[in-house]
Amino acid sequence: MTTQIFTLVGVLIGALTSYFATAVAERAKFRREMATRWDERKLDTYIEYVTCIKEIQRAGMAAGRARDQGTDASDALKNMEESENRRSILFETFVLLSNEKAATAAHSVNQRTWELLEMARIPSSGVAEIHPIPLVQALNVLHEAARSDLTISSSIIAR
């Protein structure tokens, strides 16, 4: 009878151990899957946001060039405004998904973008007056913050 009790207790302990080990493993797997899912969404958002910023920059520069050449800049300004509207919407998603460092960097990119937009909208401005360098520098900071948020190290990029 005692050996049957020991056997029953052994089976019970084995079953509980197996259950808890499986539960812990499944929980860890679920967390990894969720992290991967959100990282993919973050990456897509970061790419869309930066692409939109680059479109604004190109359109602003095109508007400045058109004015310098004495041609109509309305198409470039229209493209710039459309991209700015998209950037505004994407920024909300960006801030919701990113960490604090990346969000702060994106705020700086927004500020530099608005400066570029303001210069491009002034009828007397031209290419010589539109300096994308502060925006490019802010984008470089944003790229670094985004890589950090996505835990992409420099060694991975070098490969």
N, C-alpha and C. Protein backbone atom coordinates (compact mmCIF):
# COMPACT_ATOMS: atom_id res chain seq x y z
N MET A 1 0.83 -1.18 0.00
CA MET A 1 0.00 0.00 0.00
C MET A 1 0.88 1.26 0.00
N THR A 2 1.95 1.24 0.79
CA THR A 2 2.85 2.39 0.86
C THR A 2 3.53 2.60 -0.48
N THR A 3 3.91 1.54 -1.12
CA THR A 3 4.58 1.69 -2.41
C THR A 3 3.61 2.26 -3.45
N GLN A 4 2.35 1.92 -3.34
CA GLN A 4 1.36 2.48 -4.26
C GLN A 4 1.19 3.99 -4.02
N ILE A 5 1.23 4.40 -2.77
CA ILE A 5 1.11 5.83 -2.44
C ILE A 5 2.33 6.57 -2.98
N PHE A 6 3.54 5.98 -2.76
CA PHE A 6 4.75 6.62 -3.28
C PHE A 6 4.69 6.71 -4.80
N THR A 7 4.22 5.69 -5.44
CA THR A 7 4.10 5.68 -6.89
C THR A 7 3.11 6.74 -7.34
N LEU A 8 1.97 6.84 -6.67
CA LEU A 8 0.95 7.83 -7.00
C LEU A 8 1.47 9.26 -6.80
N VAL A 9 2.19 9.48 -5.71
CA VAL A 9 2.78 10.80 -5.43
C VAL A 9 3.83 11.12 -6.50
N GLY A 10 4.63 10.15 -6.88
CA GLY A 10 5.64 10.35 -7.93
C GLY A 10 5.01 10.72 -9.25
N VAL A 11 3.94 10.02 -9.61
CA VAL A 11 3.23 10.31 -10.86
C VAL A 11 2.63 11.73 -10.79
N LEU A 12 2.05 12.07 -9.65
CA LEU A 12 1.44 13.39 -9.46
C LEU A 12 2.49 14.50 -9.57
N ILE A 13 3.63 14.31 -8.92
CA ILE A 13 4.72 15.29 -8.99
C ILE A 13 5.23 15.41 -10.42
N GLY A 14 5.37 14.31 -11.11
CA GLY A 14 5.82 14.33 -12.52
C GLY A 14 4.83 15.06 -13.41
N ALA A 15 3.54 14.81 -13.19
CA ALA A 15 2.51 15.47 -14.00
C ALA A 15 2.50 16.98 -13.75
N LEU A 16 2.60 17.38 -12.48
CA LEU A 16 2.63 18.80 -12.15
C LEU A 16 3.88 19.48 -12.71
N THR A 17 5.00 18.83 -12.60
CA THR A 17 6.24 19.38 -13.14
C THR A 17 6.14 19.55 -14.65
N SER A 18 5.61 18.55 -15.31
CA SER A 18 5.44 18.61 -16.75
C SER A 18 4.48 19.73 -17.14
N TYR A 19 3.38 19.86 -16.39
CA TYR A 19 2.40 20.91 -16.66
C TYR A 19 3.02 22.29 -16.51
N PHE A 20 3.72 22.54 -15.40
CA PHE A 20 4.33 23.84 -15.15
C PHE A 20 5.43 24.16 -16.16
N ALA A 21 6.22 23.16 -16.52
CA ALA A 21 7.28 23.38 -17.52
C ALA A 21 6.66 23.75 -18.87
N THR A 22 5.61 23.06 -19.26
CA THR A 22 4.93 23.36 -20.51
C THR A 22 4.29 24.74 -20.47
N ALA A 23 3.66 25.09 -19.35
CA ALA A 23 3.02 26.40 -19.21
C ALA A 23 4.04 27.53 -19.30
N VAL A 24 5.18 27.38 -18.65
CA VAL A 24 6.24 28.39 -18.70
C VAL A 24 6.77 28.52 -20.12
N ALA A 25 6.99 27.41 -20.79
CA ALA A 25 7.51 27.43 -22.16
C ALA A 25 6.50 28.10 -23.11
N GLU A 26 5.23 27.78 -22.95
CA GLU A 26 4.20 28.37 -23.80
C GLU A 26 4.08 29.87 -23.56
N ARG A 27 4.17 30.28 -22.32
CA ARG A 27 4.10 31.70 -21.98
C ARG A 27 5.28 32.45 -22.61
N ALA A 28 6.46 31.88 -22.52
CA ALA A 28 7.65 32.50 -23.12
C ALA A 28 7.50 32.58 -24.64
N LYS A 29 6.99 31.52 -25.25
CA LYS A 29 6.78 31.51 -26.69
C LYS A 29 5.77 32.59 -27.10
N PHE A 30 4.70 32.73 -26.33
CA PHE A 30 3.69 33.74 -26.62
C PHE A 30 4.30 35.15 -26.54
N ARG A 31 5.11 35.39 -25.51
CA ARG A 31 5.74 36.70 -25.34
C ARG A 31 6.68 37.01 -26.51
N ARG A 32 7.45 36.00 -26.94
CA ARG A 32 8.34 36.21 -28.08
C ARG A 32 7.54 36.53 -29.34
N GLU A 33 6.45 35.81 -29.57
CA GLU A 33 5.62 36.04 -30.74
C GLU A 33 5.02 37.44 -30.71
N MET A 34 4.56 37.88 -29.56
CA MET A 34 3.99 39.22 -29.42
C MET A 34 5.06 40.28 -29.66
N ALA A 35 6.24 40.09 -29.10
CA ALA A 35 7.32 41.05 -29.29
C ALA A 35 7.69 41.14 -30.77
N THR A 36 7.76 40.01 -31.43
CA THR A 36 8.09 39.98 -32.86
C THR A 36 7.01 40.69 -33.66
N ARG A 37 5.77 40.43 -33.32
CA ARG A 37 4.66 41.06 -34.03
C ARG A 37 4.73 42.58 -33.91
N TRP A 38 4.98 43.07 -32.70
CA TRP A 38 5.04 44.52 -32.50
C TRP A 38 6.30 45.10 -33.13
N ASP A 39 7.40 44.36 -33.12
CA ASP A 39 8.62 44.86 -33.76
C ASP A 39 8.42 45.00 -35.26
N GLU A 40 7.71 44.07 -35.87
CA GLU A 40 7.42 44.16 -37.30
C GLU A 40 6.56 45.40 -37.58
N ARG A 41 5.58 45.62 -36.74
CA ARG A 41 4.70 46.79 -36.90
C ARG A 41 5.50 48.08 -36.70
N LYS A 42 6.39 48.09 -35.70
CA LYS A 42 7.24 49.26 -35.46
C LYS A 42 8.10 49.55 -36.69
N LEU A 43 8.76 48.51 -37.20
CA LEU A 43 9.64 48.68 -38.35
C LEU A 43 8.87 49.26 -39.54
N ASP A 44 7.69 48.71 -39.81
CA ASP A 44 6.88 49.22 -40.92
C ASP A 44 6.52 50.69 -40.71
N THR A 45 6.15 51.04 -39.48
CA THR A 45 5.79 52.42 -39.17
C THR A 45 7.00 53.34 -39.31
N TYR A 46 8.15 52.90 -38.80
CA TYR A 46 9.36 53.71 -38.90
C TYR A 46 9.72 53.96 -40.36
N ILE A 47 9.64 52.92 -41.17
CA ILE A 47 9.98 53.06 -42.59
C ILE A 47 9.00 54.01 -43.28
N GLU A 48 7.71 53.85 -43.02
CA GLU A 48 6.72 54.73 -43.65
C GLU A 48 6.93 56.18 -43.24
N TYR A 49 7.20 56.40 -41.96
CA TYR A 49 7.39 57.75 -41.45
C TYR A 49 8.61 58.41 -42.11
N VAL A 50 9.74 57.72 -42.12
CA VAL A 50 10.97 58.28 -42.69
C VAL A 50 10.80 58.49 -44.20
N THR A 51 10.13 57.58 -44.87
CA THR A 51 9.87 57.74 -46.30
C THR A 51 9.05 59.00 -46.55
N CYS A 52 8.08 59.23 -45.72
CA CYS A 52 7.23 60.42 -45.85
C CYS A 52 8.05 61.70 -45.64
N ILE A 53 8.94 61.68 -44.67
CA ILE A 53 9.81 62.83 -44.42
C ILE A 53 10.68 63.10 -45.64
N LYS A 54 11.22 62.04 -46.23
CA LYS A 54 12.07 62.20 -47.41
C LYS A 54 11.25 62.76 -48.59
N GLU A 55 10.00 62.34 -48.72
CA GLU A 55 9.14 62.88 -49.78
C GLU A 55 8.90 64.37 -49.57
N ILE A 56 8.69 64.78 -48.33
CA ILE A 56 8.50 66.20 -48.02
C ILE A 56 9.76 66.97 -48.39
N GLN A 57 10.91 66.42 -48.02
CA GLN A 57 12.18 67.09 -48.31
C GLN A 57 12.38 67.25 -49.82
N ARG A 58 12.15 66.17 -50.56
CA ARG A 58 12.33 66.24 -52.02
C ARG A 58 11.37 67.24 -52.65
N ALA A 59 10.12 67.23 -52.21
CA ALA A 59 9.12 68.14 -52.78
C ALA A 59 9.46 69.59 -52.43
N GLY A 60 9.92 69.83 -51.22
CA GLY A 60 10.31 71.19 -50.83
C GLY A 60 11.48 71.70 -51.66
N MET A 61 12.45 70.83 -51.86
CA MET A 61 13.59 71.21 -52.69
C MET A 61 13.16 71.46 -54.14
N ALA A 62 12.24 70.64 -54.64
CA ALA A 62 11.74 70.81 -56.01
C ALA A 62 10.98 72.14 -56.14
N ALA A 63 10.22 72.49 -55.11
CA ALA A 63 9.49 73.77 -55.13
C ALA A 63 10.48 74.93 -55.16
N GLY A 64 11.54 74.84 -54.37
CA GLY A 64 12.56 75.89 -54.36
C GLY A 64 13.25 76.01 -55.71
N ARG A 65 13.59 74.86 -56.31
CA ARG A 65 14.24 74.88 -57.62
C ARG A 65 13.31 75.49 -58.68
N ALA A 66 12.03 75.11 -58.62
CA ALA A 66 11.07 75.63 -59.61
C ALA A 66 10.97 77.14 -59.50
N ARG A 67 10.91 77.65 -58.30
CA ARG A 67 10.83 79.11 -58.12
C ARG A 67 12.11 79.79 -58.60
N ASP A 68 13.27 79.18 -58.33
CA ASP A 68 14.54 79.75 -58.80
C ASP A 68 14.60 79.80 -60.32
N GLN A 69 13.97 78.84 -60.96
CA GLN A 69 13.97 78.79 -62.43
C GLN A 69 12.82 79.60 -63.03
N GLY A 70 11.99 80.17 -62.15
CA GLY A 70 10.86 80.97 -62.61
C GLY A 70 9.71 80.15 -63.13
N THR A 71 9.64 78.88 -62.75
CA THR A 71 8.53 78.02 -63.19
C THR A 71 7.55 77.81 -62.05
N ASP A 72 6.44 77.17 -62.38
CA ASP A 72 5.36 76.95 -61.41
C ASP A 72 5.77 75.87 -60.40
N ALA A 73 5.65 76.21 -59.13
CA ALA A 73 6.02 75.28 -58.05
C ALA A 73 4.79 74.63 -57.43
N SER A 74 3.62 74.85 -58.01
CA SER A 74 2.39 74.38 -57.37
C SER A 74 2.31 72.86 -57.25
N ASP A 75 2.79 72.12 -58.25
CA ASP A 75 2.76 70.65 -58.16
C ASP A 75 3.64 70.15 -57.02
N ALA A 76 4.84 70.72 -56.93
CA ALA A 76 5.76 70.32 -55.86
C ALA A 76 5.18 70.67 -54.49
N LEU A 77 4.57 71.86 -54.39
CA LEU A 77 3.96 72.27 -53.11
C LEU A 77 2.77 71.38 -52.76
N LYS A 78 2.01 70.99 -53.79
CA LYS A 78 0.87 70.10 -53.55
C LYS A 78 1.37 68.75 -53.03
N ASN A 79 2.41 68.19 -53.67
CA ASN A 79 2.99 66.92 -53.22
C ASN A 79 3.54 67.05 -51.79
N MET A 80 4.14 68.18 -51.52
CA MET A 80 4.70 68.43 -50.20
C MET A 80 3.60 68.44 -49.14
N GLU A 81 2.49 69.10 -49.44
CA GLU A 81 1.38 69.18 -48.49
C GLU A 81 0.72 67.81 -48.27
N GLU A 82 0.60 67.04 -49.35
CA GLU A 82 0.03 65.69 -49.22
C GLU A 82 0.91 64.81 -48.34
N SER A 83 2.21 64.91 -48.56
CA SER A 83 3.15 64.13 -47.74
C SER A 83 3.13 64.60 -46.30
N GLU A 84 2.98 65.89 -46.09
CA GLU A 84 2.90 66.42 -44.73
C GLU A 84 1.65 65.91 -44.01
N ASN A 85 0.54 65.83 -44.71
CA ASN A 85 -0.68 65.28 -44.11
C ASN A 85 -0.48 63.82 -43.71
N ARG A 86 0.16 63.05 -44.58
CA ARG A 86 0.45 61.64 -44.25
C ARG A 86 1.41 61.53 -43.08
N ARG A 87 2.44 62.40 -43.06
CA ARG A 87 3.41 62.40 -41.97
C ARG A 87 2.72 62.65 -40.63
N SER A 88 1.78 63.58 -40.63
CA SER A 88 1.06 63.91 -39.40
C SER A 88 0.31 62.70 -38.84
N ILE A 89 -0.31 61.96 -39.71
CA ILE A 89 -1.05 60.77 -39.28
C ILE A 89 -0.09 59.67 -38.85
N LEU A 90 0.96 59.45 -39.62
CA LEU A 90 1.94 58.41 -39.29
C LEU A 90 2.65 58.70 -37.96
N PHE A 91 2.84 59.97 -37.68
CA PHE A 91 3.54 60.35 -36.45
C PHE A 91 2.80 59.83 -35.22
N GLU A 92 1.48 59.85 -35.24
CA GLU A 92 0.70 59.36 -34.09
C GLU A 92 0.97 57.87 -33.86
N THR A 93 0.99 57.09 -34.92
CA THR A 93 1.30 55.67 -34.80
C THR A 93 2.73 55.48 -34.32
N PHE A 94 3.62 56.29 -34.87
CA PHE A 94 5.04 56.23 -34.49
C PHE A 94 5.19 56.40 -32.99
N VAL A 95 4.57 57.43 -32.44
CA VAL A 95 4.70 57.72 -31.01
C VAL A 95 4.07 56.62 -30.17
N LEU A 96 2.97 56.07 -30.62
CA LEU A 96 2.31 54.99 -29.87
C LEU A 96 3.17 53.73 -29.79
N LEU A 97 3.92 53.44 -30.85
CA LEU A 97 4.68 52.19 -30.91
C LEU A 97 6.13 52.32 -30.44
N SER A 98 6.68 53.52 -30.49
CA SER A 98 8.12 53.67 -30.23
C SER A 98 8.43 53.87 -28.75
N ASN A 99 9.71 53.73 -28.44
CA ASN A 99 10.14 54.03 -27.08
C ASN A 99 10.35 55.54 -26.96
N GLU A 100 10.69 55.99 -25.77
CA GLU A 100 10.79 57.42 -25.51
C GLU A 100 11.90 58.09 -26.34
N LYS A 101 13.02 57.41 -26.47
CA LYS A 101 14.15 57.97 -27.23
C LYS A 101 13.78 58.18 -28.69
N ALA A 102 13.13 57.21 -29.29
CA ALA A 102 12.73 57.33 -30.70
C ALA A 102 11.65 58.39 -30.87
N ALA A 103 10.73 58.47 -29.93
CA ALA A 103 9.67 59.49 -30.00
C ALA A 103 10.27 60.89 -29.90
N THR A 104 11.23 61.07 -29.01
CA THR A 104 11.90 62.36 -28.87
C THR A 104 12.63 62.72 -30.16
N ALA A 105 13.31 61.76 -30.75
CA ALA A 105 14.00 62.00 -32.02
C ALA A 105 13.01 62.36 -33.12
N ALA A 106 11.85 61.72 -33.13
CA ALA A 106 10.83 62.02 -34.13
C ALA A 106 10.27 63.43 -33.94
N HIS A 107 10.15 63.87 -32.69
CA HIS A 107 9.72 65.25 -32.44
C HIS A 107 10.71 66.24 -33.05
N SER A 108 11.99 65.94 -32.92
CA SER A 108 13.03 66.79 -33.50
C SER A 108 12.95 66.78 -35.02
N VAL A 109 12.71 65.62 -35.60
CA VAL A 109 12.54 65.52 -37.05
C VAL A 109 11.34 66.34 -37.50
N ASN A 110 10.26 66.28 -36.74
CA ASN A 110 9.08 67.08 -37.06
C ASN A 110 9.42 68.57 -37.08
N GLN A 111 10.14 69.01 -36.07
CA GLN A 111 10.52 70.43 -35.98
C GLN A 111 11.34 70.86 -37.20
N ARG A 112 12.34 70.05 -37.55
CA ARG A 112 13.17 70.38 -38.73
C ARG A 112 12.32 70.33 -40.01
N THR A 113 11.38 69.39 -40.07
CA THR A 113 10.50 69.28 -41.25
C THR A 113 9.63 70.52 -41.38
N TRP A 114 9.08 70.98 -40.26
CA TRP A 114 8.24 72.18 -40.30
C TRP A 114 9.05 73.40 -40.73
N GLU A 115 10.30 73.47 -40.33
CA GLU A 115 11.16 74.58 -40.76
C GLU A 115 11.36 74.51 -42.28
N LEU A 116 11.59 73.32 -42.79
CA LEU A 116 11.76 73.14 -44.23
C LEU A 116 10.46 73.50 -44.97
N LEU A 117 9.33 73.05 -44.43
CA LEU A 117 8.03 73.37 -45.04
C LEU A 117 7.80 74.88 -45.08
N GLU A 118 8.11 75.54 -44.00
CA GLU A 118 7.92 76.98 -43.93
C GLU A 118 8.77 77.70 -44.98
N MET A 119 10.02 77.28 -45.11
CA MET A 119 10.89 77.90 -46.11
C MET A 119 10.38 77.62 -47.52
N ALA A 120 9.89 76.40 -47.76
CA ALA A 120 9.42 76.04 -49.10
C ALA A 120 8.14 76.78 -49.46
N ARG A 121 7.34 77.13 -48.47
CA ARG A 121 6.07 77.82 -48.73
C ARG A 121 6.25 79.31 -49.02
N ILE A 122 7.35 79.89 -48.61
CA ILE A 122 7.58 81.32 -48.83
C ILE A 122 7.82 81.54 -50.32
N PRO A 123 7.02 82.38 -50.95
CA PRO A 123 7.17 82.57 -52.40
C PRO A 123 8.55 83.03 -52.83
N SER A 124 9.27 83.78 -51.99
CA SER A 124 10.57 84.29 -52.39
C SER A 124 11.70 83.32 -52.10
N SER A 125 11.41 82.20 -51.46
CA SER A 125 12.50 81.28 -51.11
C SER A 125 12.95 80.49 -52.34
N GLY A 126 14.17 80.04 -52.27
CA GLY A 126 14.72 79.26 -53.37
C GLY A 126 15.61 78.17 -52.83
N VAL A 127 16.26 77.45 -53.71
CA VAL A 127 17.12 76.35 -53.30
C VAL A 127 18.20 76.82 -52.35
N ALA A 128 18.75 77.99 -52.61
CA ALA A 128 19.83 78.50 -51.78
C ALA A 128 19.36 78.72 -50.34
N GLU A 129 18.07 79.00 -50.16
CA GLU A 129 17.55 79.26 -48.82
C GLU A 129 17.09 77.99 -48.11
N ILE A 130 16.83 76.93 -48.84
CA ILE A 130 16.33 75.69 -48.24
C ILE A 130 17.52 74.80 -47.92
N HIS A 131 17.75 74.61 -46.65
CA HIS A 131 18.89 73.82 -46.19
C HIS A 131 18.38 72.54 -45.52
N PRO A 132 18.47 71.42 -46.20
CA PRO A 132 17.97 70.18 -45.61
C PRO A 132 18.92 69.56 -44.58
N ILE A 133 20.10 70.15 -44.39
CA ILE A 133 21.10 69.54 -43.51
C ILE A 133 20.58 69.33 -42.08
N PRO A 134 19.93 70.32 -41.43
CA PRO A 134 19.42 70.05 -40.07
C PRO A 134 18.42 68.89 -40.05
N LEU A 135 17.63 68.78 -41.10
CA LEU A 135 16.68 67.67 -41.18
C LEU A 135 17.41 66.35 -41.33
N VAL A 136 18.43 66.31 -42.15
CA VAL A 136 19.21 65.08 -42.35
C VAL A 136 19.88 64.67 -41.05
N GLN A 137 20.42 65.63 -40.32
CA GLN A 137 21.05 65.33 -39.03
C GLN A 137 20.02 64.78 -38.04
N ALA A 138 18.82 65.38 -38.02
CA ALA A 138 17.76 64.89 -37.13
C ALA A 138 17.32 63.48 -37.54
N LEU A 139 17.29 63.22 -38.84
CA LEU A 139 16.94 61.87 -39.31
C LEU A 139 18.00 60.85 -38.89
N ASN A 140 19.27 61.24 -38.92
CA ASN A 140 20.33 60.33 -38.48
C ASN A 140 20.15 59.95 -37.02
N VAL A 141 19.78 60.91 -36.18
CA VAL A 141 19.52 60.63 -34.77
C VAL A 141 18.31 59.70 -34.64
N LEU A 142 17.28 59.95 -35.46
CA LEU A 142 16.10 59.09 -35.44
C LEU A 142 16.44 57.67 -35.87
N HIS A 143 17.26 57.52 -36.90
CA HIS A 143 17.66 56.18 -37.35
C HIS A 143 18.34 55.42 -36.21
N GLU A 144 19.24 56.08 -35.52
CA GLU A 144 19.95 55.42 -34.41
C GLU A 144 18.99 55.03 -33.30
N ALA A 145 18.05 55.93 -32.97
CA ALA A 145 17.07 55.62 -31.91
C ALA A 145 16.15 54.48 -32.33
N ALA A 146 15.78 54.45 -33.60
CA ALA A 146 14.91 53.37 -34.09
C ALA A 146 15.64 52.04 -34.06
N ARG A 147 16.91 52.03 -34.47
CA ARG A 147 17.69 50.78 -34.41
C ARG A 147 17.81 50.30 -32.97
N SER A 148 18.01 51.21 -32.06
CA SER A 148 18.10 50.85 -30.64
C SER A 148 16.78 50.28 -30.15
N ASP A 149 15.68 50.93 -30.52
CA ASP A 149 14.36 50.46 -30.10
C ASP A 149 14.05 49.08 -30.66
N LEU A 150 14.50 48.81 -31.86
CA LEU A 150 14.27 47.51 -32.49
C LEU A 150 15.37 46.51 -32.15
N THR A 151 16.28 46.93 -31.29
CA THR A 151 17.44 46.13 -30.87
C THR A 151 18.23 45.59 -32.06
N ILE A 152 18.47 46.48 -33.01
CA ILE A 152 19.30 46.16 -34.17
C ILE A 152 20.68 46.75 -33.87
N SER A 153 21.65 45.91 -33.74
CA SER A 153 22.99 46.40 -33.42
C SER A 153 23.74 46.75 -34.70
N SER A 154 24.80 47.51 -34.56
CA SER A 154 25.62 47.91 -35.71
C SER A 154 26.27 46.70 -36.37
N SER A 155 26.58 45.66 -35.59
CA SER A 155 27.21 44.48 -36.18
C SER A 155 26.26 43.74 -37.11
N ILE A 156 24.96 43.80 -36.83
CA ILE A 156 23.98 43.16 -37.71
C ILE A 156 23.89 43.93 -39.03
N ILE A 157 23.94 45.26 -38.94
CA ILE A 157 23.83 46.09 -40.13
C ILE A 157 25.05 45.91 -41.02
N ALA A 158 26.23 45.73 -40.44
CA ALA A 158 27.48 45.61 -41.20
C ALA A 158 27.50 44.34 -42.05
N ARG A 159 26.74 43.36 -41.70
CA ARG A 159 26.76 42.09 -42.46
C ARG A 159 26.12 42.25 -43.74
